[in-house]
N, C-alpha and C. Protein backbone atom coordinates (compact mmCIF):
# COMPACT_ATOMS: atom_id res chain seq x y z
N MET A 1 6.18 -0.28 18.51
CA MET A 1 6.80 -0.78 17.30
C MET A 1 8.32 -0.65 17.46
N GLN A 2 9.03 -1.48 16.78
CA GLN A 2 10.48 -1.49 16.94
C GLN A 2 11.18 -1.48 15.60
N GLN A 3 12.47 -1.21 15.66
CA GLN A 3 13.26 -1.22 14.44
C GLN A 3 13.30 -2.63 13.88
N ASP A 4 13.22 -2.74 12.58
CA ASP A 4 13.18 -4.03 11.90
C ASP A 4 14.58 -4.38 11.43
N SER A 5 15.20 -5.40 12.04
CA SER A 5 16.56 -5.76 11.67
C SER A 5 16.63 -6.39 10.29
N ASP A 6 15.49 -6.88 9.76
CA ASP A 6 15.47 -7.49 8.44
C ASP A 6 15.07 -6.51 7.35
N SER A 7 14.93 -5.23 7.66
CA SER A 7 14.42 -4.27 6.68
C SER A 7 15.39 -4.04 5.52
N ASN A 8 16.65 -4.48 5.66
CA ASN A 8 17.58 -4.35 4.54
C ASN A 8 17.24 -5.31 3.40
N ASN A 9 16.44 -6.34 3.67
CA ASN A 9 16.05 -7.31 2.65
C ASN A 9 14.74 -6.91 1.95
N LEU A 10 14.20 -5.77 2.31
CA LEU A 10 12.93 -5.34 1.77
C LEU A 10 13.14 -4.35 0.62
N VAL A 11 12.07 -4.19 -0.19
CA VAL A 11 12.12 -3.27 -1.33
C VAL A 11 11.01 -2.23 -1.18
N SER A 12 11.19 -1.11 -1.84
CA SER A 12 10.23 -0.02 -1.75
C SER A 12 8.99 -0.29 -2.59
N LEU A 13 7.83 -0.18 -1.97
CA LEU A 13 6.56 -0.30 -2.68
C LEU A 13 6.07 1.08 -3.11
N LEU A 14 6.18 2.06 -2.21
CA LEU A 14 5.73 3.41 -2.53
C LEU A 14 6.33 4.42 -1.59
N THR A 15 6.33 5.67 -2.03
CA THR A 15 6.65 6.81 -1.17
C THR A 15 5.33 7.53 -0.93
N VAL A 16 4.99 7.73 0.32
CA VAL A 16 3.68 8.28 0.69
C VAL A 16 3.58 9.73 0.25
N GLU A 17 2.64 9.98 -0.68
CA GLU A 17 2.37 11.34 -1.16
C GLU A 17 1.22 11.98 -0.40
N ASP A 18 0.32 11.14 0.11
CA ASP A 18 -0.82 11.62 0.86
C ASP A 18 -1.39 10.43 1.63
N HIS A 19 -2.25 10.70 2.60
CA HIS A 19 -2.94 9.65 3.32
C HIS A 19 -4.21 10.21 3.93
N PHE A 20 -5.17 9.31 4.15
CA PHE A 20 -6.40 9.73 4.81
C PHE A 20 -6.94 8.54 5.60
N SER A 21 -7.63 8.86 6.69
CA SER A 21 -8.18 7.82 7.55
C SER A 21 -9.60 7.50 7.14
N VAL A 22 -9.90 6.23 7.06
CA VAL A 22 -11.24 5.74 6.82
C VAL A 22 -11.58 4.88 8.04
N SER A 23 -12.65 5.22 8.74
CA SER A 23 -12.92 4.59 10.04
C SER A 23 -12.92 3.07 9.99
N GLU A 24 -13.49 2.48 8.97
CA GLU A 24 -13.56 1.02 8.91
C GLU A 24 -12.28 0.38 8.38
N ALA A 25 -11.50 1.11 7.60
CA ALA A 25 -10.35 0.52 6.92
C ALA A 25 -9.02 0.85 7.55
N GLY A 26 -8.90 2.00 8.17
CA GLY A 26 -7.63 2.44 8.71
C GLY A 26 -7.03 3.55 7.86
N LEU A 27 -5.72 3.63 7.84
CA LEU A 27 -5.02 4.68 7.11
C LEU A 27 -4.80 4.24 5.67
N THR A 28 -5.37 4.97 4.73
CA THR A 28 -5.24 4.67 3.31
C THR A 28 -4.14 5.55 2.74
N LEU A 29 -3.23 4.94 1.97
CA LEU A 29 -2.06 5.65 1.46
C LEU A 29 -2.21 5.99 -0.01
N ALA A 30 -1.64 7.09 -0.40
CA ALA A 30 -1.54 7.47 -1.82
C ALA A 30 -0.06 7.60 -2.14
N PRO A 31 0.35 7.17 -3.31
CA PRO A 31 -0.48 6.85 -4.47
C PRO A 31 -1.12 5.47 -4.37
N ASP A 32 -2.17 5.29 -5.20
CA ASP A 32 -2.75 3.96 -5.37
C ASP A 32 -2.16 3.37 -6.65
N PHE A 33 -2.62 2.19 -7.02
CA PHE A 33 -2.06 1.49 -8.18
C PHE A 33 -3.16 1.00 -9.10
N ALA A 34 -2.81 0.81 -10.37
CA ALA A 34 -3.72 0.17 -11.31
C ALA A 34 -3.90 -1.28 -10.87
N MET A 35 -5.06 -1.84 -11.17
CA MET A 35 -5.30 -3.24 -10.83
C MET A 35 -4.44 -4.15 -11.69
N PRO A 36 -3.83 -5.17 -11.08
CA PRO A 36 -3.11 -6.16 -11.87
C PRO A 36 -4.07 -6.87 -12.82
N GLN A 37 -3.57 -7.34 -13.93
CA GLN A 37 -4.39 -8.06 -14.90
C GLN A 37 -4.74 -9.44 -14.36
N GLY A 38 -5.84 -9.98 -14.83
CA GLY A 38 -6.25 -11.32 -14.45
C GLY A 38 -7.61 -11.30 -13.77
N ASP A 39 -8.41 -12.30 -14.07
CA ASP A 39 -9.77 -12.34 -13.53
C ASP A 39 -9.84 -12.80 -12.09
N GLY A 40 -8.89 -13.60 -11.64
CA GLY A 40 -8.97 -14.18 -10.31
C GLY A 40 -8.24 -13.39 -9.24
N TRP A 41 -7.90 -12.15 -9.52
CA TRP A 41 -7.10 -11.39 -8.56
C TRP A 41 -7.91 -11.05 -7.32
N ARG A 42 -7.32 -11.23 -6.15
CA ARG A 42 -7.96 -10.92 -4.87
C ARG A 42 -7.03 -10.09 -4.01
N GLY A 43 -7.62 -9.31 -3.12
CA GLY A 43 -6.83 -8.55 -2.16
C GLY A 43 -6.07 -9.48 -1.23
N PHE A 44 -5.08 -8.93 -0.54
CA PHE A 44 -4.27 -9.74 0.37
C PHE A 44 -3.66 -8.85 1.44
N SER A 45 -3.17 -9.48 2.49
CA SER A 45 -2.47 -8.75 3.55
C SER A 45 -0.99 -9.09 3.51
N PHE A 46 -0.18 -8.19 4.05
CA PHE A 46 1.26 -8.40 4.08
C PHE A 46 1.85 -7.54 5.19
N VAL A 47 3.09 -7.82 5.52
CA VAL A 47 3.80 -7.01 6.51
C VAL A 47 4.53 -5.90 5.76
N ALA A 48 4.34 -4.67 6.23
CA ALA A 48 5.00 -3.51 5.63
C ALA A 48 5.85 -2.82 6.69
N VAL A 49 6.91 -2.21 6.24
CA VAL A 49 7.77 -1.42 7.12
C VAL A 49 7.72 0.02 6.63
N VAL A 50 7.42 0.91 7.56
CA VAL A 50 7.40 2.34 7.24
C VAL A 50 8.74 2.91 7.65
N ARG A 51 9.41 3.54 6.70
CA ARG A 51 10.71 4.16 6.95
C ARG A 51 10.60 5.64 6.69
N ASN A 52 10.99 6.44 7.67
CA ASN A 52 11.07 7.88 7.45
C ASN A 52 12.32 8.42 8.12
N ALA A 53 12.78 9.53 7.62
CA ALA A 53 14.07 10.10 8.03
C ALA A 53 14.12 10.34 9.54
N GLY A 54 15.21 9.90 10.14
CA GLY A 54 15.48 10.19 11.53
C GLY A 54 14.70 9.38 12.54
N GLU A 55 13.93 8.40 12.11
CA GLU A 55 13.15 7.59 13.04
C GLU A 55 13.44 6.11 12.80
N HIS A 56 13.02 5.31 13.74
CA HIS A 56 13.15 3.87 13.60
C HIS A 56 12.14 3.36 12.58
N ASP A 57 12.48 2.27 11.91
CA ASP A 57 11.53 1.61 11.03
C ASP A 57 10.40 1.05 11.91
N ARG A 58 9.17 1.11 11.35
CA ARG A 58 8.02 0.61 12.09
C ARG A 58 7.27 -0.40 11.23
N ARG A 59 6.92 -1.53 11.84
CA ARG A 59 6.21 -2.61 11.13
C ARG A 59 4.70 -2.47 11.34
N PHE A 60 3.96 -2.73 10.25
CA PHE A 60 2.50 -2.71 10.30
C PHE A 60 1.96 -3.83 9.42
N ARG A 61 0.79 -4.31 9.75
CA ARG A 61 0.04 -5.17 8.84
C ARG A 61 -0.58 -4.24 7.80
N ALA A 62 -0.42 -4.59 6.54
CA ALA A 62 -0.94 -3.79 5.44
C ALA A 62 -1.92 -4.63 4.63
N LEU A 63 -2.84 -3.95 3.96
CA LEU A 63 -3.80 -4.61 3.08
C LEU A 63 -3.70 -4.00 1.70
N ALA A 64 -3.69 -4.86 0.69
CA ALA A 64 -3.80 -4.43 -0.71
C ALA A 64 -5.23 -4.80 -1.11
N THR A 65 -6.06 -3.79 -1.35
CA THR A 65 -7.48 -4.01 -1.55
C THR A 65 -7.96 -3.40 -2.86
N PRO A 66 -8.64 -4.19 -3.71
CA PRO A 66 -9.22 -3.62 -4.93
C PRO A 66 -10.47 -2.81 -4.58
N VAL A 67 -10.56 -1.62 -5.16
CA VAL A 67 -11.69 -0.72 -4.91
C VAL A 67 -12.12 -0.14 -6.24
N HIS A 68 -13.44 -0.03 -6.43
CA HIS A 68 -13.95 0.55 -7.68
C HIS A 68 -14.37 1.99 -7.45
N PHE A 69 -13.82 2.89 -8.30
CA PHE A 69 -14.22 4.29 -8.30
C PHE A 69 -15.03 4.53 -9.56
N HIS A 70 -16.17 5.15 -9.42
CA HIS A 70 -17.04 5.40 -10.57
C HIS A 70 -16.37 6.39 -11.53
N THR A 71 -16.32 6.03 -12.79
CA THR A 71 -15.81 6.93 -13.81
C THR A 71 -16.78 6.95 -14.98
N ARG A 72 -17.00 8.10 -15.55
CA ARG A 72 -17.93 8.23 -16.68
C ARG A 72 -17.21 8.19 -18.01
N ASP A 73 -15.91 8.06 -17.98
CA ASP A 73 -15.11 8.05 -19.20
C ASP A 73 -15.11 6.65 -19.81
N PRO A 74 -15.80 6.44 -20.95
CA PRO A 74 -15.86 5.09 -21.54
C PRO A 74 -14.51 4.59 -22.03
N SER A 75 -13.55 5.49 -22.26
CA SER A 75 -12.23 5.05 -22.70
C SER A 75 -11.36 4.58 -21.53
N ALA A 76 -11.87 4.70 -20.33
CA ALA A 76 -11.10 4.34 -19.14
C ALA A 76 -11.34 2.90 -18.74
N LEU A 77 -11.16 1.98 -19.68
CA LEU A 77 -11.35 0.56 -19.43
C LEU A 77 -10.49 0.12 -18.24
N ARG A 78 -11.12 -0.48 -17.26
CA ARG A 78 -10.49 -0.96 -16.02
C ARG A 78 -9.92 0.16 -15.16
N ARG A 79 -10.03 1.41 -15.58
CA ARG A 79 -9.44 2.48 -14.77
C ARG A 79 -10.26 2.78 -13.53
N GLY A 80 -11.53 2.36 -13.50
CA GLY A 80 -12.33 2.55 -12.30
C GLY A 80 -11.84 1.68 -11.15
N TRP A 81 -11.22 0.56 -11.46
CA TRP A 81 -10.68 -0.33 -10.44
C TRP A 81 -9.27 0.10 -10.09
N ARG A 82 -9.04 0.34 -8.80
CA ARG A 82 -7.72 0.74 -8.31
C ARG A 82 -7.35 -0.17 -7.14
N LEU A 83 -6.08 -0.28 -6.89
CA LEU A 83 -5.57 -1.07 -5.79
C LEU A 83 -5.09 -0.11 -4.70
N LEU A 84 -5.77 -0.14 -3.56
CA LEU A 84 -5.42 0.73 -2.44
C LEU A 84 -4.57 -0.03 -1.43
N ILE A 85 -3.64 0.67 -0.82
CA ILE A 85 -2.84 0.12 0.26
C ILE A 85 -3.29 0.80 1.55
N THR A 86 -3.71 0.00 2.52
CA THR A 86 -4.13 0.55 3.80
C THR A 86 -3.34 -0.09 4.93
N LEU A 87 -3.19 0.66 6.00
CA LEU A 87 -2.56 0.19 7.23
C LEU A 87 -3.61 0.31 8.33
N PRO A 88 -4.32 -0.78 8.65
CA PRO A 88 -5.45 -0.71 9.57
C PRO A 88 -5.12 -0.17 10.96
N MET A 89 -3.91 -0.40 11.46
CA MET A 89 -3.57 0.00 12.82
C MET A 89 -2.68 1.23 12.89
N ALA A 90 -2.45 1.91 11.78
CA ALA A 90 -1.56 3.07 11.77
C ALA A 90 -2.36 4.37 11.86
N THR A 91 -1.68 5.40 12.31
CA THR A 91 -2.24 6.75 12.33
C THR A 91 -1.42 7.63 11.39
N LYS A 92 -1.93 8.82 11.10
CA LYS A 92 -1.19 9.74 10.24
C LYS A 92 0.17 10.08 10.83
N SER A 93 0.26 10.19 12.13
CA SER A 93 1.55 10.51 12.74
C SER A 93 2.55 9.35 12.65
N ASP A 94 2.04 8.12 12.50
CA ASP A 94 2.92 6.96 12.30
C ASP A 94 3.56 6.95 10.92
N VAL A 95 2.88 7.58 9.95
CA VAL A 95 3.29 7.50 8.55
C VAL A 95 3.32 8.91 7.95
N PRO A 96 4.35 9.70 8.26
CA PRO A 96 4.40 11.05 7.71
C PRO A 96 4.50 11.06 6.18
N ILE A 97 3.97 12.11 5.58
CA ILE A 97 4.12 12.29 4.14
C ILE A 97 5.62 12.24 3.82
N GLY A 98 5.97 11.52 2.75
CA GLY A 98 7.37 11.34 2.38
C GLY A 98 7.98 10.05 2.89
N SER A 99 7.27 9.35 3.77
CA SER A 99 7.75 8.05 4.26
C SER A 99 7.80 7.06 3.10
N THR A 100 8.66 6.06 3.25
CA THR A 100 8.73 4.99 2.27
C THR A 100 8.10 3.75 2.88
N LEU A 101 7.27 3.07 2.10
CA LEU A 101 6.67 1.83 2.53
C LEU A 101 7.45 0.69 1.88
N LEU A 102 8.06 -0.15 2.71
CA LEU A 102 8.87 -1.27 2.25
C LEU A 102 8.12 -2.58 2.45
N CYS A 103 8.42 -3.55 1.60
CA CYS A 103 7.78 -4.87 1.71
C CYS A 103 8.69 -5.91 1.06
N GLU A 104 8.28 -7.16 1.16
CA GLU A 104 9.03 -8.24 0.50
C GLU A 104 8.81 -8.18 -1.00
N ALA A 105 9.76 -8.71 -1.75
CA ALA A 105 9.69 -8.66 -3.22
C ALA A 105 8.45 -9.35 -3.77
N GLN A 106 7.94 -10.39 -3.10
CA GLN A 106 6.74 -11.08 -3.57
C GLN A 106 5.53 -10.16 -3.61
N VAL A 107 5.48 -9.20 -2.68
CA VAL A 107 4.37 -8.25 -2.65
C VAL A 107 4.42 -7.37 -3.89
N ILE A 108 5.60 -6.92 -4.26
CA ILE A 108 5.76 -6.11 -5.47
C ILE A 108 5.26 -6.89 -6.69
N GLN A 109 5.61 -8.16 -6.77
CA GLN A 109 5.17 -8.99 -7.89
C GLN A 109 3.65 -9.07 -7.95
N ARG A 110 3.00 -9.23 -6.81
CA ARG A 110 1.53 -9.32 -6.79
C ARG A 110 0.89 -7.98 -7.15
N VAL A 111 1.41 -6.89 -6.61
CA VAL A 111 0.84 -5.57 -6.86
C VAL A 111 0.97 -5.16 -8.32
N PHE A 112 2.08 -5.52 -8.94
CA PHE A 112 2.31 -5.09 -10.31
C PHE A 112 2.05 -6.20 -11.34
N GLY A 113 1.24 -7.19 -10.95
CA GLY A 113 0.74 -8.14 -11.92
C GLY A 113 1.44 -9.48 -11.97
N GLY A 114 2.32 -9.76 -11.04
CA GLY A 114 2.98 -11.05 -11.04
C GLY A 114 2.15 -12.08 -10.29
N ALA A 115 2.82 -13.04 -9.71
CA ALA A 115 2.20 -14.19 -9.04
C ALA A 115 1.14 -13.83 -8.05
């Protein structure tokens, strides 16, 4: 992976608070997000840049995937559905806790309910 010369045009999606590996999915990052509103929402892939102190920026293919977590709380309308961000080809050492995940502004709009 190499330093991304275009990373100055990117915006922060999240700061990694935790991560765990899922064999079929790759590295799943926390925090997760509430599902955007709308019935036709689908997961998507995008290019993400991982930035951490003292190292070069690293580019990865990322996935924004809707996942349902079982909840017994009837007041938690739509709270069972969460949006996970995964990096299929990354390892924990590639993405230390405290790293910032950067992406294009359009990704932010999709994750937080825009286009």
